[in-house]
Amino acid sequence: MAEYCFRPNERLQDSNQYQQVKRAGKRVRTPHFGVNLLTNGLPHHRLGLIVQKRFWNAVNRNRIKRRVREWFRLHKETIPLPGKDIVIIARQGAERLSSTAVTRELIRVFAKQDGRSS
């Protein structure tokens, strides 16, 4: 199913894109993630991840990134348009979250963006 893919055009590619989102975007904090959002003028959302080396070893960093990418891949259609650039910054404790917990935490951010409460 093509709609569940995570295509290269759905990724933030370079540090300038990350910096623009962090500088001009809206910030939302959850217990385990910082989320920066900026409307991108595209018909689709783009995702960027920041998982710092100083907090986790490679195994835990990759686990966090895999779970957040999986959340995005499965739920990008539920994020309200217009297209957004989304930068998700992992915070300590994120490595202990299950895929379900990651989904529950991040879905709340975008439910609030749509004017609904969770």
C-alpha atoms as a PDB file:
ATOM      1  CA  MET A   1       0.000   0.000   0.000  1.00  0.00           C
ATOM      2  CA  ALA A   2       1.646   3.180  -1.178  1.00  0.00           C
ATOM      3  CA  GLU A   3      -0.036   5.500   1.374  1.00  0.00           C
ATOM      4  CA  TYR A   4       1.821   3.743   4.218  1.00  0.00           C
ATOM      5  CA  CYS A   5       5.280   4.365   2.759  1.00  0.00           C
ATOM      6  CA  PHE A   6       7.806   6.797   4.171  1.00  0.00           C
ATOM      7  CA  ARG A   7       9.106   8.392   0.986  1.00  0.00           C
ATOM      8  CA  PRO A   8      12.288  10.463   0.653  1.00  0.00           C
ATOM      9  CA  ASN A   9      10.245  13.604  -0.122  1.00  0.00           C
ATOM     10  CA  GLU A  10       8.574  13.198   3.303  1.00  0.00           C
ATOM     11  CA  ARG A  11      11.892  13.692   5.137  1.00  0.00           C
ATOM     12  CA  LEU A  12      13.616  16.892   6.094  1.00  0.00           C
ATOM     13  CA  GLN A  13      16.898  16.644   4.229  1.00  0.00           C
ATOM     14  CA  ASP A  14      19.372  19.215   5.490  1.00  0.00           C
ATOM     15  CA  SER A  15      20.217  21.305   8.527  1.00  0.00           C
ATOM     16  CA  ASN A  16      18.771  24.488   6.968  1.00  0.00           C
ATOM     17  CA  GLN A  17      15.318  22.893   6.900  1.00  0.00           C
ATOM     18  CA  TYR A  18      15.683  21.792  10.534  1.00  0.00           C
ATOM     19  CA  GLN A  19      16.853  25.253  11.586  1.00  0.00           C
ATOM     20  CA  GLN A  20      13.961  26.969   9.826  1.00  0.00           C
ATOM     21  CA  VAL A  21      11.416  24.778  11.624  1.00  0.00           C
ATOM     22  CA  LYS A  22      13.110  25.259  14.987  1.00  0.00           C
ATOM     23  CA  ARG A  23      13.414  29.038  14.484  1.00  0.00           C
ATOM     24  CA  ALA A  24       9.969  29.873  13.061  1.00  0.00           C
ATOM     25  CA  GLY A  25       7.798  26.919  14.053  1.00  0.00           C
ATOM     26  CA  LYS A  26       5.372  26.351  16.874  1.00  0.00           C
ATOM     27  CA  ARG A  27       6.752  24.336  19.799  1.00  0.00           C
ATOM     28  CA  VAL A  28       4.858  21.668  21.711  1.00  0.00           C
ATOM     29  CA  ARG A  29       6.293  19.570  24.528  1.00  0.00           C
ATOM     30  CA  THR A  30       5.201  16.126  25.607  1.00  0.00           C
ATOM     31  CA  PRO A  31       6.714  14.094  28.452  1.00  0.00           C
ATOM     32  CA  HIS A  32       9.206  12.381  26.113  1.00  0.00           C
ATOM     33  CA  PHE A  33       9.373  14.553  22.983  1.00  0.00           C
ATOM     34  CA  GLY A  34       9.699  18.130  21.872  1.00  0.00           C
ATOM     35  CA  VAL A  35       7.737  18.766  18.676  1.00  0.00           C
ATOM     36  CA  ASN A  36       8.324  21.747  16.369  1.00  0.00           C
ATOM     37  CA  LEU A  37       5.736  22.409  13.639  1.00  0.00           C
ATOM     38  CA  LEU A  38       5.857  24.758  10.671  1.00  0.00           C
ATOM     39  CA  THR A  39       3.522  24.953   7.677  1.00  0.00           C
ATOM     40  CA  ASN A  40       5.585  24.053   4.602  1.00  0.00           C
ATOM     41  CA  GLY A  41       3.357  25.001   1.638  1.00  0.00           C
ATOM     42  CA  LEU A  42       3.514  21.459   0.263  1.00  0.00           C
ATOM     43  CA  PRO A  43       0.645  18.982  -0.182  1.00  0.00           C
ATOM     44  CA  HIS A  44       2.311  16.566   2.277  1.00  0.00           C
ATOM     45  CA  HIS A  45       3.986  16.538   5.677  1.00  0.00           C
ATOM     46  CA  ARG A  46       7.725  16.113   6.200  1.00  0.00           C
ATOM     47  CA  LEU A  47       9.412  14.588   9.243  1.00  0.00           C
ATOM     48  CA  GLY A  48      12.774  15.285  10.835  1.00  0.00           C
ATOM     49  CA  LEU A  49      14.162  13.550  13.929  1.00  0.00           C
ATOM     50  CA  ILE A  50      16.720  14.679  16.467  1.00  0.00           C
ATOM     51  CA  VAL A  51      18.001  11.940  18.782  1.00  0.00           C
ATOM     52  CA  GLN A  52      21.154  13.097  20.539  1.00  0.00           C
ATOM     53  CA  LYS A  53      24.150  10.821  20.964  1.00  0.00           C
ATOM     54  CA  ARG A  54      24.943  12.081  24.452  1.00  0.00           C
ATOM     55  CA  PHE A  55      21.831  10.477  25.969  1.00  0.00           C
ATOM     56  CA  TRP A  56      21.711   7.048  24.328  1.00  0.00           C
ATOM     57  CA  ASN A  57      23.837   4.393  22.720  1.00  0.00           C
ATOM     58  CA  ALA A  58      23.279   3.471  19.062  1.00  0.00           C
ATOM     59  CA  VAL A  59      20.799   0.698  19.841  1.00  0.00           C
ATOM     60  CA  ASN A  60      18.496   2.986  21.822  1.00  0.00           C
ATOM     61  CA  ARG A  61      18.824   5.882  19.350  1.00  0.00           C
ATOM     62  CA  ASN A  62      17.847   3.611  16.484  1.00  0.00           C
ATOM     63  CA  ARG A  63      14.933   2.168  18.477  1.00  0.00           C
ATOM     64  CA  ILE A  64      13.554   5.655  19.140  1.00  0.00           C
ATOM     65  CA  LYS A  65      13.934   6.691  15.491  1.00  0.00           C
ATOM     66  CA  ARG A  66      12.332   3.483  14.243  1.00  0.00           C
ATOM     67  CA  ARG A  67       9.298   3.902  16.508  1.00  0.00           C
ATOM     68  CA  VAL A  68       8.765   7.566  15.624  1.00  0.00           C
ATOM     69  CA  ARG A  69       9.120   6.869  11.886  1.00  0.00           C
ATOM     70  CA  GLU A  70       6.626   4.013  12.209  1.00  0.00           C
ATOM     71  CA  TRP A  71       4.183   6.339  13.979  1.00  0.00           C
ATOM     72  CA  PHE A  72       4.571   8.899  11.179  1.00  0.00           C
ATOM     73  CA  ARG A  73       4.213   6.301   8.431  1.00  0.00           C
ATOM     74  CA  LEU A  74       0.963   4.956   9.887  1.00  0.00           C
ATOM     75  CA  HIS A  75      -0.603   8.247  11.020  1.00  0.00           C
ATOM     76  CA  LYS A  76       0.542  10.922   8.547  1.00  0.00           C
ATOM     77  CA  GLU A  77      -2.885  10.857   6.865  1.00  0.00           C
ATOM     78  CA  THR A  78      -4.564  11.813  10.169  1.00  0.00           C
ATOM     79  CA  ILE A  79      -2.426  14.946  10.656  1.00  0.00           C
ATOM     80  CA  PRO A  80      -4.546  17.888   9.502  1.00  0.00           C
ATOM     81  CA  LEU A  81      -3.498  19.735   6.356  1.00  0.00           C
ATOM     82  CA  PRO A  82      -1.953  22.079   5.201  1.00  0.00           C
ATOM     83  CA  GLY A  83       1.363  20.261   4.950  1.00  0.00           C
ATOM     84  CA  LYS A  84       3.680  20.670   7.907  1.00  0.00           C
ATOM     85  CA  ASP A  85       7.372  20.253   8.536  1.00  0.00           C
ATOM     86  CA  ILE A  86       7.613  18.327  11.797  1.00  0.00           C
ATOM     87  CA  VAL A  87      10.806  18.101  13.834  1.00  0.00           C
ATOM     88  CA  ILE A  88      10.591  15.663  16.738  1.00  0.00           C
ATOM     89  CA  ILE A  89      13.289  15.897  19.397  1.00  0.00           C
ATOM     90  CA  ALA A  90      13.590  12.883  21.681  1.00  0.00           C
ATOM     91  CA  ARG A  91      13.956  13.561  25.398  1.00  0.00           C
ATOM     92  CA  GLN A  92      15.214  11.281  28.131  1.00  0.00           C
ATOM     93  CA  GLY A  93      12.905   8.372  28.805  1.00  0.00           C
ATOM     94  CA  ALA A  94      11.838   8.040  25.151  1.00  0.00           C
ATOM     95  CA  GLU A  95      13.894   4.862  24.769  1.00  0.00           C
ATOM     96  CA  ARG A  96      11.592   3.063  27.232  1.00  0.00           C
ATOM     97  CA  LEU A  97       8.384   3.823  25.314  1.00  0.00           C
ATOM     98  CA  SER A  98       6.602   1.120  23.377  1.00  0.00           C
ATOM     99  CA  SER A  99       5.307   1.836  19.879  1.00  0.00           C
ATOM    100  CA  THR A 100       1.816   2.202  21.337  1.00  0.00           C
ATOM    101  CA  ALA A 101       3.010   4.732  23.916  1.00  0.00           C
ATOM    102  CA  VAL A 102       4.835   6.757  21.230  1.00  0.00           C
ATOM    103  CA  THR A 103       1.651   6.799  19.147  1.00  0.00           C
ATOM    104  CA  ARG A 104      -0.509   7.832  22.101  1.00  0.00           C
ATOM    105  CA  GLU A 105       1.849  10.681  23.031  1.00  0.00           C
ATOM    106  CA  LEU A 106       2.301  12.087  19.517  1.00  0.00           C
ATOM    107  CA  ILE A 107      -1.336  11.710  18.421  1.00  0.00           C
ATOM    108  CA  ARG A 108      -2.332  14.059  21.269  1.00  0.00           C
ATOM    109  CA  VAL A 109      -0.126  16.818  19.835  1.00  0.00           C
ATOM    110  CA  PHE A 110      -1.857  16.711  16.461  1.00  0.00           C
ATOM    111  CA  ALA A 111      -5.360  16.225  17.863  1.00  0.00           C
ATOM    112  CA  LYS A 112      -4.880  19.542  19.691  1.00  0.00           C
ATOM    113  CA  GLN A 113      -3.606  21.177  16.480  1.00  0.00           C
ATOM    114  CA  ASP A 114      -6.901  20.272  14.827  1.00  0.00           C
ATOM    115  CA  GLY A 115      -8.925  22.015  17.525  1.00  0.00           C
ATOM    116  CA  ARG A 116      -9.997  18.804  19.202  1.00  0.00           C
ATOM    117  CA  SER A 117      -8.996  17.762  22.669  1.00  0.00           C
ATOM    118  CA  SER A 118      -7.810  14.271  23.426  1.00  0.00           C
END
